[in-house]
Amino acid sequence: MREVERIASQIDGAYRDGFWGGGPVGGLFHSLAASEAIAHPISGAHSAWEIALHLGVWHDIFRGRIAGQDVEDTPESDWPMPAGATDADWKATLADLERGLGALVDAVQGLDPAKLDTLVRGKGFTVYEMLHGIPQHDLYHAGQVLMLRKAIRGMER
């Protein structure tokens, strides 16, 4: 297996399979009803829905950076607000997140391995470092979603 395929597997696996220490990011999102996903049970924290939208934004940013674009986030784009609050809206958000993740995984798999050691355009880190940061970023936020779910439902195991 080529290195880019291993990295793509880590990115996809964090969302779909989880890791040795916990469940998958996608499973956490899918375990929530829309009313839970939009709730703010912890003062000052983002909702699970906002986190799902945030991950989608960053998957798009990473995909653009893989393509060599000088992609920046803005405070407005970094943490978008949900456009609706229904179960259908939540399901659409998750479907969009999964489509974007699939496109990101495809972009990583199609990456020329020689580009792994190049600097990301306009950044002080390599493509390799950025790619390894993607599942780390997703799993970091999965921990937040788990805490939000526990705050909503009580201290479940």
C-alpha atoms as a PDB file:
ATOM      1  CA  MET A   1       0.000   0.000   0.000  1.00  0.00           C
ATOM      2  CA  ARG A   2       1.328   3.417  -0.915  1.00  0.00           C
ATOM      3  CA  GLU A   3       1.705   6.066   1.785  1.00  0.00           C
ATOM      4  CA  VAL A   4      -1.100   8.222   0.351  1.00  0.00           C
ATOM      5  CA  GLU A   5      -3.429   5.215   0.485  1.00  0.00           C
ATOM      6  CA  ARG A   6      -2.512   4.594   4.140  1.00  0.00           C
ATOM      7  CA  ILE A   7      -3.173   8.238   4.988  1.00  0.00           C
ATOM      8  CA  ALA A   8      -6.481   8.192   3.083  1.00  0.00           C
ATOM      9  CA  SER A   9      -7.433   5.084   5.039  1.00  0.00           C
ATOM     10  CA  GLN A  10      -6.725   6.900   8.320  1.00  0.00           C
ATOM     11  CA  ILE A  11      -8.854   9.887   7.279  1.00  0.00           C
ATOM     12  CA  ASP A  12     -11.758   7.716   6.146  1.00  0.00           C
ATOM     13  CA  GLY A  13     -11.367   5.358   9.083  1.00  0.00           C
ATOM     14  CA  ALA A  14     -11.598   8.104  11.691  1.00  0.00           C
ATOM     15  CA  TYR A  15     -15.053   8.950  10.365  1.00  0.00           C
ATOM     16  CA  ARG A  16     -16.353   5.486   9.498  1.00  0.00           C
ATOM     17  CA  ASP A  17     -14.541   3.030  11.768  1.00  0.00           C
ATOM     18  CA  GLY A  18     -13.185   4.931  14.739  1.00  0.00           C
ATOM     19  CA  PHE A  19      -9.836   4.147  16.278  1.00  0.00           C
ATOM     20  CA  TRP A  20      -8.468   1.861  18.976  1.00  0.00           C
ATOM     21  CA  GLY A  21      -9.559   4.255  21.736  1.00  0.00           C
ATOM     22  CA  GLY A  22     -13.069   5.135  20.621  1.00  0.00           C
ATOM     23  CA  GLY A  23     -15.861   5.039  18.123  1.00  0.00           C
ATOM     24  CA  PRO A  24     -16.159   6.667  14.730  1.00  0.00           C
ATOM     25  CA  VAL A  25     -16.889  10.357  14.263  1.00  0.00           C
ATOM     26  CA  GLY A  26     -19.748   9.531  11.900  1.00  0.00           C
ATOM     27  CA  GLY A  27     -21.286   7.121  14.381  1.00  0.00           C
ATOM     28  CA  LEU A  28     -21.374   9.832  17.014  1.00  0.00           C
ATOM     29  CA  PHE A  29     -23.126  12.248  14.672  1.00  0.00           C
ATOM     30  CA  HIS A  30     -25.608   9.602  13.543  1.00  0.00           C
ATOM     31  CA  SER A  31     -26.393   8.736  17.161  1.00  0.00           C
ATOM     32  CA  LEU A  32     -27.919  12.191  17.634  1.00  0.00           C
ATOM     33  CA  ALA A  33     -31.397  13.384  16.748  1.00  0.00           C
ATOM     34  CA  ALA A  34     -31.609  16.844  15.194  1.00  0.00           C
ATOM     35  CA  SER A  35     -32.894  18.282  18.475  1.00  0.00           C
ATOM     36  CA  GLU A  36     -29.795  16.922  20.235  1.00  0.00           C
ATOM     37  CA  ALA A  37     -27.403  17.991  17.489  1.00  0.00           C
ATOM     38  CA  ILE A  38     -28.557  21.604  17.594  1.00  0.00           C
ATOM     39  CA  ALA A  39     -28.583  21.830  21.412  1.00  0.00           C
ATOM     40  CA  HIS A  40     -26.033  23.834  23.401  1.00  0.00           C
ATOM     41  CA  PRO A  41     -25.899  21.923  26.705  1.00  0.00           C
ATOM     42  CA  ILE A  42     -22.452  23.322  27.576  1.00  0.00           C
ATOM     43  CA  SER A  43     -22.241  27.088  27.937  1.00  0.00           C
ATOM     44  CA  GLY A  44     -19.910  28.633  25.391  1.00  0.00           C
ATOM     45  CA  ALA A  45     -19.417  25.391  23.429  1.00  0.00           C
ATOM     46  CA  HIS A  46     -20.427  24.745  19.856  1.00  0.00           C
ATOM     47  CA  SER A  47     -23.290  22.360  19.161  1.00  0.00           C
ATOM     48  CA  ALA A  48     -22.680  18.991  17.515  1.00  0.00           C
ATOM     49  CA  TRP A  49     -24.376  20.381  14.407  1.00  0.00           C
ATOM     50  CA  GLU A  50     -21.969  23.315  14.301  1.00  0.00           C
ATOM     51  CA  ILE A  51     -19.077  20.874  14.701  1.00  0.00           C
ATOM     52  CA  ALA A  52     -20.368  18.778  11.783  1.00  0.00           C
ATOM     53  CA  LEU A  53     -20.535  21.902   9.607  1.00  0.00           C
ATOM     54  CA  HIS A  54     -17.057  22.942  10.784  1.00  0.00           C
ATOM     55  CA  LEU A  55     -15.607  19.565   9.788  1.00  0.00           C
ATOM     56  CA  GLY A  56     -17.217  19.910   6.370  1.00  0.00           C
ATOM     57  CA  VAL A  57     -15.639  23.341   5.891  1.00  0.00           C
ATOM     58  CA  TRP A  58     -12.228  21.995   6.797  1.00  0.00           C
ATOM     59  CA  HIS A  59     -12.548  18.932   4.579  1.00  0.00           C
ATOM     60  CA  ASP A  60     -13.167  21.350   1.684  1.00  0.00           C
ATOM     61  CA  ILE A  61     -10.209  23.523   2.727  1.00  0.00           C
ATOM     62  CA  PHE A  62      -7.909  20.505   2.929  1.00  0.00           C
ATOM     63  CA  ARG A  63      -9.087  19.291  -0.472  1.00  0.00           C
ATOM     64  CA  GLY A  64      -8.353  22.713  -1.969  1.00  0.00           C
ATOM     65  CA  ARG A  65      -4.913  22.765  -0.400  1.00  0.00           C
ATOM     66  CA  ILE A  66      -4.174  19.310  -1.818  1.00  0.00           C
ATOM     67  CA  ALA A  67      -5.028  20.756  -5.244  1.00  0.00           C
ATOM     68  CA  GLY A  68      -2.451  23.514  -4.649  1.00  0.00           C
ATOM     69  CA  GLN A  69      -4.938  26.294  -3.979  1.00  0.00           C
ATOM     70  CA  ASP A  70      -4.168  29.029  -1.472  1.00  0.00           C
ATOM     71  CA  VAL A  71      -7.267  28.354   0.636  1.00  0.00           C
ATOM     72  CA  GLU A  72      -7.873  30.290   3.839  1.00  0.00           C
ATOM     73  CA  ASP A  73     -10.671  30.132   6.315  1.00  0.00           C
ATOM     74  CA  THR A  74     -12.441  33.177   7.669  1.00  0.00           C
ATOM     75  CA  PRO A  75     -14.177  33.565  11.018  1.00  0.00           C
ATOM     76  CA  GLU A  76     -17.498  33.449   9.166  1.00  0.00           C
ATOM     77  CA  SER A  77     -16.696  30.295   7.187  1.00  0.00           C
ATOM     78  CA  ASP A  78     -14.896  28.434   9.986  1.00  0.00           C
ATOM     79  CA  TRP A  79     -17.977  27.906  12.153  1.00  0.00           C
ATOM     80  CA  PRO A  80     -21.128  28.141   9.999  1.00  0.00           C
ATOM     81  CA  MET A  81     -24.523  28.049  11.651  1.00  0.00           C
ATOM     82  CA  PRO A  82     -27.137  25.437  10.742  1.00  0.00           C
ATOM     83  CA  ALA A  83     -29.614  26.682   8.147  1.00  0.00           C
ATOM     84  CA  GLY A  84     -32.466  24.688   9.657  1.00  0.00           C
ATOM     85  CA  ALA A  85     -33.307  22.540  12.653  1.00  0.00           C
ATOM     86  CA  THR A  86     -35.377  19.635  11.338  1.00  0.00           C
ATOM     87  CA  ASP A  87     -34.457  15.971  11.139  1.00  0.00           C
ATOM     88  CA  ALA A  88     -34.291  16.356   7.354  1.00  0.00           C
ATOM     89  CA  ASP A  89     -31.890  19.300   7.718  1.00  0.00           C
ATOM     90  CA  TRP A  90     -29.658  17.270  10.059  1.00  0.00           C
ATOM     91  CA  LYS A  91     -29.663  14.289   7.689  1.00  0.00           C
ATOM     92  CA  ALA A  92     -28.762  16.629   4.804  1.00  0.00           C
ATOM     93  CA  THR A  93     -25.886  18.096   6.842  1.00  0.00           C
ATOM     94  CA  LEU A  94     -24.530  14.608   7.527  1.00  0.00           C
ATOM     95  CA  ALA A  95     -24.942  13.581   3.886  1.00  0.00           C
ATOM     96  CA  ASP A  96     -23.019  16.703   2.803  1.00  0.00           C
ATOM     97  CA  LEU A  97     -20.304  15.944   5.366  1.00  0.00           C
ATOM     98  CA  GLU A  98     -19.968  12.379   4.070  1.00  0.00           C
ATOM     99  CA  ARG A  99     -19.871  13.509   0.425  1.00  0.00           C
ATOM    100  CA  GLY A 100     -17.130  16.009   1.246  1.00  0.00           C
ATOM    101  CA  LEU A 101     -15.198  13.391   3.188  1.00  0.00           C
ATOM    102  CA  GLY A 102     -15.423  11.012   0.226  1.00  0.00           C
ATOM    103  CA  ALA A 103     -14.123  13.709  -2.121  1.00  0.00           C
ATOM    104  CA  LEU A 104     -11.271  14.435   0.309  1.00  0.00           C
ATOM    105  CA  VAL A 105     -10.326  10.744   0.556  1.00  0.00           C
ATOM    106  CA  ASP A 106     -10.384  10.516  -3.255  1.00  0.00           C
ATOM    107  CA  ALA A 107      -8.123  13.580  -3.505  1.00  0.00           C
ATOM    108  CA  VAL A 108      -5.648  12.072  -1.044  1.00  0.00           C
ATOM    109  CA  GLN A 109      -5.633   8.729  -2.873  1.00  0.00           C
ATOM    110  CA  GLY A 110      -4.982  10.535  -6.161  1.00  0.00           C
ATOM    111  CA  LEU A 111      -2.133  12.610  -4.768  1.00  0.00           C
ATOM    112  CA  ASP A 112       1.318  12.144  -6.248  1.00  0.00           C
ATOM    113  CA  PRO A 113       3.381  10.785  -3.323  1.00  0.00           C
ATOM    114  CA  ALA A 114       6.235  13.068  -4.377  1.00  0.00           C
ATOM    115  CA  LYS A 115       4.116  16.009  -3.187  1.00  0.00           C
ATOM    116  CA  LEU A 116       3.993  14.779   0.426  1.00  0.00           C
ATOM    117  CA  ASP A 117       7.212  16.615   1.321  1.00  0.00           C
ATOM    118  CA  THR A 118       6.208  19.897  -0.334  1.00  0.00           C
ATOM    119  CA  LEU A 119       4.995  22.832   1.706  1.00  0.00           C
ATOM    120  CA  VAL A 120       1.294  23.615   1.624  1.00  0.00           C
ATOM    121  CA  ARG A 121       0.898  26.793  -0.388  1.00  0.00           C
ATOM    122  CA  GLY A 122       1.237  29.800   1.918  1.00  0.00           C
ATOM    123  CA  LYS A 123       1.832  27.632   5.008  1.00  0.00           C
ATOM    124  CA  GLY A 124       4.823  26.530   7.045  1.00  0.00           C
ATOM    125  CA  PHE A 125       3.959  22.830   7.069  1.00  0.00           C
ATOM    126  CA  THR A 126       4.136  20.016   4.547  1.00  0.00           C
ATOM    127  CA  VAL A 127       1.313  18.256   2.762  1.00  0.00           C
ATOM    128  CA  TYR A 128       2.288  15.143   4.732  1.00  0.00           C
ATOM    129  CA  GLU A 129       1.863  16.975   8.063  1.00  0.00           C
ATOM    130  CA  MET A 130      -1.454  18.464   6.965  1.00  0.00           C
ATOM    131  CA  LEU A 131      -2.820  15.102   5.851  1.00  0.00           C
ATOM    132  CA  HIS A 132      -1.951  13.457   9.151  1.00  0.00           C
ATOM    133  CA  GLY A 133      -3.606  16.362  10.949  1.00  0.00           C
ATOM    134  CA  ILE A 134      -6.974  15.694   9.290  1.00  0.00           C
ATOM    135  CA  PRO A 135      -7.954  12.588  11.289  1.00  0.00           C
ATOM    136  CA  GLN A 136      -6.450  14.192  14.398  1.00  0.00           C
ATOM    137  CA  HIS A 137      -8.697  17.230  13.864  1.00  0.00           C
ATOM    138  CA  ASP A 138     -11.768  15.076  13.242  1.00  0.00           C
ATOM    139  CA  LEU A 139     -11.146  12.887  16.302  1.00  0.00           C
ATOM    140  CA  TYR A 140     -10.499  15.932  18.501  1.00  0.00           C
ATOM    141  CA  HIS A 141     -13.956  17.194  17.605  1.00  0.00           C
ATOM    142  CA  ALA A 142     -15.423  13.707  18.082  1.00  0.00           C
ATOM    143  CA  GLY A 143     -14.414  14.005  21.735  1.00  0.00           C
ATOM    144  CA  GLN A 144     -16.340  17.249  21.942  1.00  0.00           C
ATOM    145  CA  VAL A 145     -19.414  15.647  20.370  1.00  0.00           C
ATOM    146  CA  LEU A 146     -19.211  12.794  22.856  1.00  0.00           C
ATOM    147  CA  MET A 147     -19.122  15.270  25.760  1.00  0.00           C
ATOM    148  CA  LEU A 148     -22.088  17.170  24.281  1.00  0.00           C
ATOM    149  CA  ARG A 149     -24.051  13.942  23.957  1.00  0.00           C
ATOM    150  CA  LYS A 150     -23.247  13.034  27.568  1.00  0.00           C
ATOM    151  CA  ALA A 151     -24.345  16.497  28.711  1.00  0.00           C
ATOM    152  CA  ILE A 152     -27.624  16.112  26.812  1.00  0.00           C
ATOM    153  CA  ARG A 153     -28.409  12.541  27.883  1.00  0.00           C
ATOM    154  CA  GLY A 154     -26.728  12.405  31.259  1.00  0.00           C
ATOM    155  CA  MET A 155     -23.542  10.550  32.042  1.00  0.00           C
ATOM    156  CA  GLU A 156     -24.083   7.455  29.897  1.00  0.00           C
ATOM    157  CA  ARG A 157     -21.212   5.093  29.338  1.00  0.00           C
END
